[in-house]
PDB file of N, CA and C in Angstrom:
ATOM      1  N   TYR A   1      -5.050  -9.115  -9.523  1.00  0.00           N
ATOM      2  CA  TYR A   1      -5.993  -8.631  -9.567  1.00  0.00           C
ATOM      3  C   TYR A   1      -5.964  -6.764  -9.401  1.00  0.00           C
ATOM      4  N   TYR A   2      -6.267  -7.140  -7.861  1.00  0.00           N
ATOM      5  CA  TYR A   2      -6.825  -5.773  -6.457  1.00  0.00           C
ATOM      6  C   TYR A   2      -5.546  -4.608  -7.256  1.00  0.00           C
ATOM      7  N   LEU A   3      -4.057  -5.354  -8.238  1.00  0.00           N
ATOM      8  CA  LEU A   3      -3.222  -4.238  -7.842  1.00  0.00           C
ATOM      9  C   LEU A   3      -2.859  -3.155  -8.914  1.00  0.00           C
ATOM     10  N   GLU A   4      -3.376  -4.514 -10.498  1.00  0.00           N
ATOM     11  CA  GLU A   4      -3.450  -3.526 -11.144  1.00  0.00           C
ATOM     12  C   GLU A   4      -5.161  -2.957 -11.743  1.00  0.00           C
ATOM     13  N   ALA A   5      -5.804  -2.936 -10.673  1.00  0.00           N
ATOM     14  CA  ALA A   5      -7.125  -2.318 -11.269  1.00  0.00           C
ATOM     15  C   ALA A   5      -6.616  -1.287 -10.259  1.00  0.00           C
ATOM     16  N   ALA A   6      -5.692  -0.848  -8.949  1.00  0.00           N
ATOM     17  CA  ALA A   6      -5.840  -0.119  -8.396  1.00  0.00           C
ATOM     18  C   ALA A   6      -4.745   1.562  -9.160  1.00  0.00           C
ATOM     19  N   HIS A   7      -3.728   0.180  -9.789  1.00  0.00           N
ATOM     20  CA  HIS A   7      -2.811   0.849 -10.838  1.00  0.00           C
ATOM     21  C   HIS A   7      -3.475   1.747 -11.928  1.00  0.00           C
ATOM     22  N   CYS A   8      -4.545   1.135 -12.457  1.00  0.00           N
ATOM     23  CA  CYS A   8      -5.587   1.626 -13.555  1.00  0.00           C
ATOM     24  C   CYS A   8      -5.958   2.263 -12.997  1.00  0.00           C
ATOM     25  N   ILE A   9      -7.070   2.758 -11.664  1.00  0.00           N
ATOM     26  CA  ILE A   9      -7.212   4.103 -11.283  1.00  0.00           C
ATOM     27  C   ILE A   9      -6.857   4.652 -10.612  1.00  0.00           C
ATOM     28  N   LYS A  10      -5.132   5.025 -10.521  1.00  0.00           N
ATOM     29  CA  LYS A  10      -4.785   5.899  -9.260  1.00  0.00           C
ATOM     30  C   LYS A  10      -4.753   7.173  -9.652  1.00  0.00           C
ATOM     31  N   ASN A  11      -4.698   8.102 -10.600  1.00  0.00           N
ATOM     32  CA  ASN A  11      -4.685   8.845 -11.353  1.00  0.00           C
ATOM     33  C   ASN A  11      -6.485   9.227 -11.904  1.00  0.00           C
ATOM     34  N   VAL A  12      -6.759   8.921 -10.998  1.00  0.00           N
ATOM     35  CA  VAL A  12      -8.572   9.006 -11.743  1.00  0.00           C
ATOM     36  C   VAL A  12      -9.347   9.616 -10.827  1.00  0.00           C
ATOM     37  N   ASN A  13      -9.737   8.105  -9.502  1.00  0.00           N
ATOM     38  CA  ASN A  13     -10.251   7.363  -8.551  1.00  0.00           C
ATOM     39  C   ASN A  13      -9.519   7.871  -6.755  1.00  0.00           C
ATOM     40  N   THR A  14      -8.761   8.814  -6.601  1.00  0.00           N
ATOM     41  CA  THR A  14      -7.850   8.082  -5.247  1.00  0.00           C
ATOM     42  C   THR A  14      -8.748   7.156  -4.553  1.00  0.00           C
ATOM     43  N   ASN A  15     -10.267   7.227  -4.443  1.00  0.00           N
ATOM     44  CA  ASN A  15     -11.104   6.235  -3.285  1.00  0.00           C
ATOM     45  C   ASN A  15     -10.912   5.417  -3.382  1.00  0.00           C
ATOM     46  N   LYS A  16     -10.700   5.271  -4.959  1.00  0.00           N
ATOM     47  CA  LYS A  16     -11.164   3.409  -5.417  1.00  0.00           C
ATOM     48  C   LYS A  16      -9.308   3.370  -5.385  1.00  0.00           C
ATOM     49  N   PHE A  17      -8.531   3.986  -5.613  1.00  0.00           N
ATOM     50  CA  PHE A  17      -6.992   3.592  -5.800  1.00  0.00           C
ATOM     51  C   PHE A  17      -7.097   3.338  -4.603  1.00  0.00           C
ATOM     52  N   LEU A  18      -7.241   3.560  -3.323  1.00  0.00           N
ATOM     53  CA  LEU A  18      -7.186   3.329  -1.879  1.00  0.00           C
ATOM     54  C   LEU A  18      -7.613   2.441  -1.305  1.00  0.00           C
ATOM     55  N   GLU A  19      -9.006   2.313  -2.396  1.00  0.00           N
ATOM     56  CA  GLU A  19      -9.843   1.299  -1.729  1.00  0.00           C
ATOM     57  C   GLU A  19      -9.759  -0.563  -2.019  1.00  0.00           C
ATOM     58  N   TYR A  20      -8.783  -0.677  -3.500  1.00  0.00           N
ATOM     59  CA  TYR A  20      -8.733  -1.864  -3.754  1.00  0.00           C
ATOM     60  C   TYR A  20      -6.625  -1.987  -3.421  1.00  0.00           C
ATOM     61  N   SER A  21      -6.231  -1.256  -3.571  1.00  0.00           N
ATOM     62  CA  SER A  21      -4.894  -1.093  -2.640  1.00  0.00           C
ATOM     63  C   SER A  21      -4.745  -2.080  -1.493  1.00  0.00           C
ATOM     64  N   LYS A  22      -5.650  -1.235  -0.836  1.00  0.00           N
ATOM     65  CA  LYS A  22      -5.961  -2.532   0.885  1.00  0.00           C
ATOM     66  C   LYS A  22      -6.420  -3.572   0.579  1.00  0.00           C
ATOM     67  N   VAL A  23      -6.846  -3.621  -0.843  1.00  0.00           N
ATOM     68  CA  VAL A  23      -7.404  -5.389  -0.488  1.00  0.00           C
ATOM     69  C   VAL A  23      -6.326  -5.760  -1.185  1.00  0.00           C
ATOM     70  N   ALA A  24      -5.201  -5.292  -1.502  1.00  0.00           N
ATOM     71  CA  ALA A  24      -4.312  -5.769  -2.187  1.00  0.00           C
ATOM     72  C   ALA A  24      -3.531  -5.901  -1.620  1.00  0.00           C
ATOM     73  N   ILE A  25      -2.805  -5.107  -0.290  1.00  0.00           N
ATOM     74  CA  ILE A  25      -1.826  -5.468   0.278  1.00  0.00           C
ATOM     75  C   ILE A  25      -2.539  -6.718   1.502  1.00  0.00           C
ATOM     76  N   ASP A  26      -3.446  -6.965   1.184  1.00  0.00           N
ATOM     77  CA  ASP A  26      -4.208  -7.560   2.575  1.00  0.00           C
ATOM     78  C   ASP A  26      -3.601  -9.565   2.005  1.00  0.00           C
ATOM     79  N   LYS A  27      -4.136  -9.677   1.228  1.00  0.00           N
ATOM     80  CA  LYS A  27      -3.813 -10.486  -0.186  1.00  0.00           C
ATOM     81  C   LYS A  27      -2.276 -10.818  -0.291  1.00  0.00           C
ATOM     82  N   PHE A  28      -1.820  -9.924  -0.544  1.00  0.00           N
ATOM     83  CA  PHE A  28       0.059 -10.379  -0.214  1.00  0.00           C
ATOM     84  C   PHE A  28       0.444 -10.729   0.887  1.00  0.00           C
ATOM     85  N   CYS A  29      -0.179 -10.306   1.999  1.00  0.00           N
ATOM     86  CA  CYS A  29       0.524 -10.625   2.787  1.00  0.00           C
ATOM     87  C   CYS A  29      -0.206 -11.874   3.506  1.00  0.00           C
ATOM     88  N   ILE A  30      -1.197 -12.176   3.340  1.00  0.00           N
ATOM     89  CA  ILE A  30      -1.977 -13.216   3.108  1.00  0.00           C
ATOM     90  C   ILE A  30      -0.899 -14.863   2.508  1.00  0.00           C
ATOM     91  N   SER A  31      -0.718 -14.560   1.526  1.00  0.00           N
ATOM     92  CA  SER A  31       0.200 -14.602   0.570  1.00  0.00           C
ATOM     93  C   SER A  31       1.458 -15.264   0.813  1.00  0.00           C
ATOM     94  N   ALA A  32       2.382 -14.252   1.969  1.00  0.00           N
ATOM     95  CA  ALA A  32       3.694 -13.942   2.565  1.00  0.00           C
ATOM     96  C   ALA A  32       4.669 -13.819   1.382  1.00  0.00           C
ATOM     97  N   ARG A  33       3.723 -12.549   0.418  1.00  0.00           N
ATOM     98  CA  ARG A  33       4.643 -12.317  -0.061  1.00  0.00           C
ATOM     99  C   ARG A  33       4.688 -10.741   0.239  1.00  0.00           C
ATOM    100  N   ILE A  34       5.176 -10.234   1.215  1.00  0.00           N
ATOM    101  CA  ILE A  34       6.009  -8.810   2.807  1.00  0.00           C
ATOM    102  C   ILE A  34       6.038  -7.787   1.655  1.00  0.00           C
ATOM    103  N   SER A  35       6.829  -8.052   0.696  1.00  0.00           N
ATOM    104  CA  SER A  35       8.098  -6.942   0.663  1.00  0.00           C
ATOM    105  C   SER A  35       7.199  -6.766  -0.514  1.00  0.00           C
ATOM    106  N   GLN A  36       5.932  -6.995  -1.484  1.00  0.00           N
ATOM    107  CA  GLN A  36       5.415  -6.761  -2.710  1.00  0.00           C
ATOM    108  C   GLN A  36       4.114  -5.589  -1.559  1.00  0.00           C
ATOM    109  N   ALA A  37       4.064  -5.512  -0.363  1.00  0.00           N
ATOM    110  CA  ALA A  37       2.648  -5.372   0.319  1.00  0.00           C
ATOM    111  C   ALA A  37       2.716  -4.099   1.154  1.00  0.00           C
ATOM    112  N   ALA A  38       4.689  -4.444   1.617  1.00  0.00           N
ATOM    113  CA  ALA A  38       5.023  -2.925   1.992  1.00  0.00           C
ATOM    114  C   ALA A  38       5.683  -1.854   0.875  1.00  0.00           C
ATOM    115  N   SER A  39       5.651  -2.404  -0.477  1.00  0.00           N
ATOM    116  CA  SER A  39       5.955  -1.973  -1.708  1.00  0.00           C
ATOM    117  C   SER A  39       4.645  -0.862  -2.066  1.00  0.00           C
ATOM    118  N   LEU A  40       4.180  -1.750  -2.170  1.00  0.00           N
ATOM    119  CA  LEU A  40       2.480  -0.854  -2.542  1.00  0.00           C
ATOM    120  C   LEU A  40       2.239  -0.070  -1.511  1.00  0.00           C
ATOM    121  N   ALA A  41       2.283  -0.582  -0.049  1.00  0.00           N
ATOM    122  CA  ALA A  41       2.168   0.654   1.280  1.00  0.00           C
ATOM    123  C   ALA A  41       3.121   2.204   1.324  1.00  0.00           C
ATOM    124  N   LYS A  42       4.057   1.697   0.664  1.00  0.00           N
ATOM    125  CA  LYS A  42       4.694   2.602   0.413  1.00  0.00           C
ATOM    126  C   LYS A  42       3.601   3.808  -1.138  1.00  0.00           C
ATOM    127  N   GLU A  43       3.966   3.139  -1.666  1.00  0.00           N
ATOM    128  CA  GLU A  43       3.073   3.664  -2.885  1.00  0.00           C
ATOM    129  C   GLU A  43       1.974   4.364  -3.105  1.00  0.00           C
ATOM    130  N   VAL A  44       1.073   4.051  -1.804  1.00  0.00           N
ATOM    131  CA  VAL A  44       0.165   4.381  -1.856  1.00  0.00           C
ATOM    132  C   VAL A  44       0.284   5.768  -0.686  1.00  0.00           C
ATOM    133  N   ALA A  45       1.437   5.575   0.308  1.00  0.00           N
ATOM    134  CA  ALA A  45       1.161   6.955   0.926  1.00  0.00           C
ATOM    135  C   ALA A  45       1.850   8.056   0.707  1.00  0.00           C
ATOM    136  N   GLU A  46       2.308   7.497  -1.176  1.00  0.00           N
ATOM    137  CA  GLU A  46       3.559   8.791  -1.750  1.00  0.00           C
ATOM    138  C   GLU A  46       1.887   9.578  -1.967  1.00  0.00           C
ATOM    139  N   LYS A  47       0.989   8.686  -2.638  1.00  0.00           N
ATOM    140  CA  LYS A  47      -0.188   9.067  -3.828  1.00  0.00           C
ATOM    141  C   LYS A  47      -0.606  10.299  -3.024  1.00  0.00           C
ATOM    142  N   LEU A  48      -1.210   9.637  -1.576  1.00  0.00           N
ATOM    143  CA  LEU A  48      -1.788  10.507   0.085  1.00  0.00           C
ATOM    144  C   LEU A  48      -1.391  11.539  -0.190  1.00  0.00           C
ATOM    145  N   GLU A  49       0.104  11.528  -0.140  1.00  0.00           N
ATOM    146  CA  GLU A  49       1.123  12.561   0.221  1.00  0.00           C
ATOM    147  C   GLU A  49       0.403  12.965  -0.942  1.00  0.00           C
ATOM    148  N   GLU A  50       0.895  13.385  -1.956  1.00  0.00           N
ATOM    149  CA  GLU A  50       1.235  14.245  -3.345  1.00  0.00           C
ATOM    150  C   GLU A  50      -0.389  15.067  -3.385  1.00  0.00           C
ATOM    151  N   ASP A  51      -1.927  14.016  -2.960  1.00  0.00           N
ATOM    152  CA  ASP A  51      -3.054  14.448  -2.701  1.00  0.00           C
ATOM    153  C   ASP A  51      -3.103  15.586  -1.078  1.00  0.00           C
ATOM    154  N   HIS A  52      -2.165  15.629  -1.085  1.00  0.00           N
ATOM    155  CA  HIS A  52      -1.803  16.303   0.170  1.00  0.00           C
ATOM    156  C   HIS A  52      -2.779  15.597   2.056  1.00  0.00           C
ATOM    157  N   ASP A  53      -2.829  14.567   1.747  1.00  0.00           N
ATOM    158  CA  ASP A  53      -3.690  13.305   2.732  1.00  0.00           C
ATOM    159  C   ASP A  53      -2.285  13.266   3.753  1.00  0.00           C
ATOM    160  N   TYR A  54      -1.869  14.346   4.454  1.00  0.00           N
ATOM    161  CA  TYR A  54      -0.728  14.126   5.315  1.00  0.00           C
ATOM    162  C   TYR A  54      -1.161  12.766   6.269  1.00  0.00           C
ATOM    163  N   GLU A  55      -2.162  12.534   6.628  1.00  0.00           N
ATOM    164  CA  GLU A  55      -2.505  11.977   8.127  1.00  0.00           C
ATOM    165  C   GLU A  55      -2.397  10.701   7.553  1.00  0.00           C
ATOM    166  N   GLU A  56      -3.613  10.578   6.329  1.00  0.00           N
ATOM    167  CA  GLU A  56      -3.805   9.071   5.822  1.00  0.00           C
ATOM    168  C   GLU A  56      -2.390   8.794   5.217  1.00  0.00           C
ATOM    169  N   ALA A  57      -1.680   9.662   4.928  1.00  0.00           N
ATOM    170  CA  ALA A  57      -0.214   9.224   4.428  1.00  0.00           C
ATOM    171  C   ALA A  57       0.513   8.594   5.047  1.00  0.00           C
ATOM    172  N   LEU A  58       0.612   9.287   6.707  1.00  0.00           N
ATOM    173  CA  LEU A  58       1.353   9.137   7.206  1.00  0.00           C
ATOM    174  C   LEU A  58       0.601   7.436   8.075  1.00  0.00           C
ATOM    175  N   ILE A  59      -0.348   6.714   7.768  1.00  0.00           N
ATOM    176  CA  ILE A  59      -0.310   5.435   8.347  1.00  0.00           C
ATOM    177  C   ILE A  59       0.072   4.946   7.498  1.00  0.00           C
ATOM    178  N   PHE A  60      -0.130   5.030   6.099  1.00  0.00           N
ATOM    179  CA  PHE A  60       0.508   3.717   5.008  1.00  0.00           C
ATOM    180  C   PHE A  60       2.221   3.906   5.090  1.00  0.00           C
ATOM    181  N   TYR A  61       2.923   4.945   5.830  1.00  0.00           N
ATOM    182  CA  TYR A  61       4.077   5.433   5.704  1.00  0.00           C
ATOM    183  C   TYR A  61       4.627   4.683   6.763  1.00  0.00           C
ATOM    184  N   GLU A  62       3.852   4.261   7.923  1.00  0.00           N
ATOM    185  CA  GLU A  62       3.700   3.791   8.842  1.00  0.00           C
ATOM    186  C   GLU A  62       3.556   1.923   8.941  1.00  0.00           C
ATOM    187  N   LYS A  63       2.967   1.694   7.878  1.00  0.00           N
ATOM    188  CA  LYS A  63       2.454  -0.256   7.717  1.00  0.00           C
ATOM    189  C   LYS A  63       3.717  -0.490   6.844  1.00  0.00           C
ATOM    190  N   ALA A  64       4.120   0.400   5.510  1.00  0.00           N
ATOM    191  CA  ALA A  64       4.789   0.088   5.093  1.00  0.00           C
ATOM    192  C   ALA A  64       5.926   0.137   5.892  1.00  0.00           C
ATOM    193  N   ALA A  65       6.569   0.574   6.749  1.00  0.00           N
ATOM    194  CA  ALA A  65       8.191   0.442   7.769  1.00  0.00           C
ATOM    195  C   ALA A  65       7.582  -0.893   8.222  1.00  0.00           C
ATOM    196  N   GLU A  66       6.420  -0.668   8.813  1.00  0.00           N
ATOM    197  CA  GLU A  66       6.046  -1.885   9.036  1.00  0.00           C
ATOM    198  C   GLU A  66       6.255  -3.742   8.972  1.00  0.00           C
ATOM    199  N   LEU A  67       6.175  -3.372   7.191  1.00  0.00           N
ATOM    200  CA  LEU A  67       6.083  -4.678   6.831  1.00  0.00           C
ATOM    201  C   LEU A  67       7.714  -4.593   6.404  1.00  0.00           C
ATOM    202  N   TYR A  68       8.316  -3.657   5.927  1.00  0.00           N
ATOM    203  CA  TYR A  68       9.471  -3.831   5.997  1.00  0.00           C
ATOM    204  C   TYR A  68      10.325  -4.796   6.909  1.00  0.00           C
ATOM    205  N   PHE A  69       9.476  -4.245   7.622  1.00  0.00           N
ATOM    206  CA  PHE A  69      10.639  -4.662   8.968  1.00  0.00           C
ATOM    207  C   PHE A  69       9.890  -6.509   9.639  1.00  0.00           C
ATOM    208  N   THR A  70       9.134  -6.451   9.130  1.00  0.00           N
ATOM    209  CA  THR A  70       8.646  -8.307   8.940  1.00  0.00           C
ATOM    210  C   THR A  70       9.432  -8.361   8.455  1.00  0.00           C
ATOM    211  N   ASP A  71       9.318  -7.930   6.520  1.00  0.00           N
ATOM    212  CA  ASP A  71      10.125  -8.772   5.657  1.00  0.00           C
ATOM    213  C   ASP A  71      11.309  -9.253   5.948  1.00  0.00           C
ATOM    214  N   GLU A  72      12.093  -9.052   7.016  1.00  0.00           N
ATOM    215  CA  GLU A  72      14.104  -8.227   6.489  1.00  0.00           C
ATOM    216  C   GLU A  72      14.310  -9.472   8.726  1.00  0.00           C
ATOM    217  N   THR A  73      13.278  -9.361   9.216  1.00  0.00           N
ATOM    218  CA  THR A  73      13.427  -9.679   9.919  1.00  0.00           C
ATOM    219  C   THR A  73      13.547 -11.861  10.051  1.00  0.00           C
ATOM    220  N   PRO A  74      14.354 -11.962  10.403  1.00  0.00           N
ATOM    221  CA  PRO A  74      14.340 -13.557  10.134  1.00  0.00           C
ATOM    222  C   PRO A  74      14.024 -14.675  11.338  1.00  0.00           C
ATOM    223  N   THR A  75      12.552 -15.614  10.450  1.00  0.00           N
ATOM    224  CA  THR A  75      11.832 -16.226  11.750  1.00  0.00           C
ATOM    225  C   THR A  75      12.294 -17.509  12.084  1.00  0.00           C
TER     226      THR A  75
END
């Protein structure tokens, strides 16, 4: 539900989008849905870049890369 809430508010309130997305990313990681967490982290980074918040965008791009790498690494 956090993902849906984030998508609903994405173009209205970036701070709430960020808040809901962070929770959704954490929930995806807990439930071993790493690729979905990575995709959402990338989406957040792109939105932050669009809003010219480059420092925060870089943090989320790094998080997405880390998650993609984790998802591809065999256990």
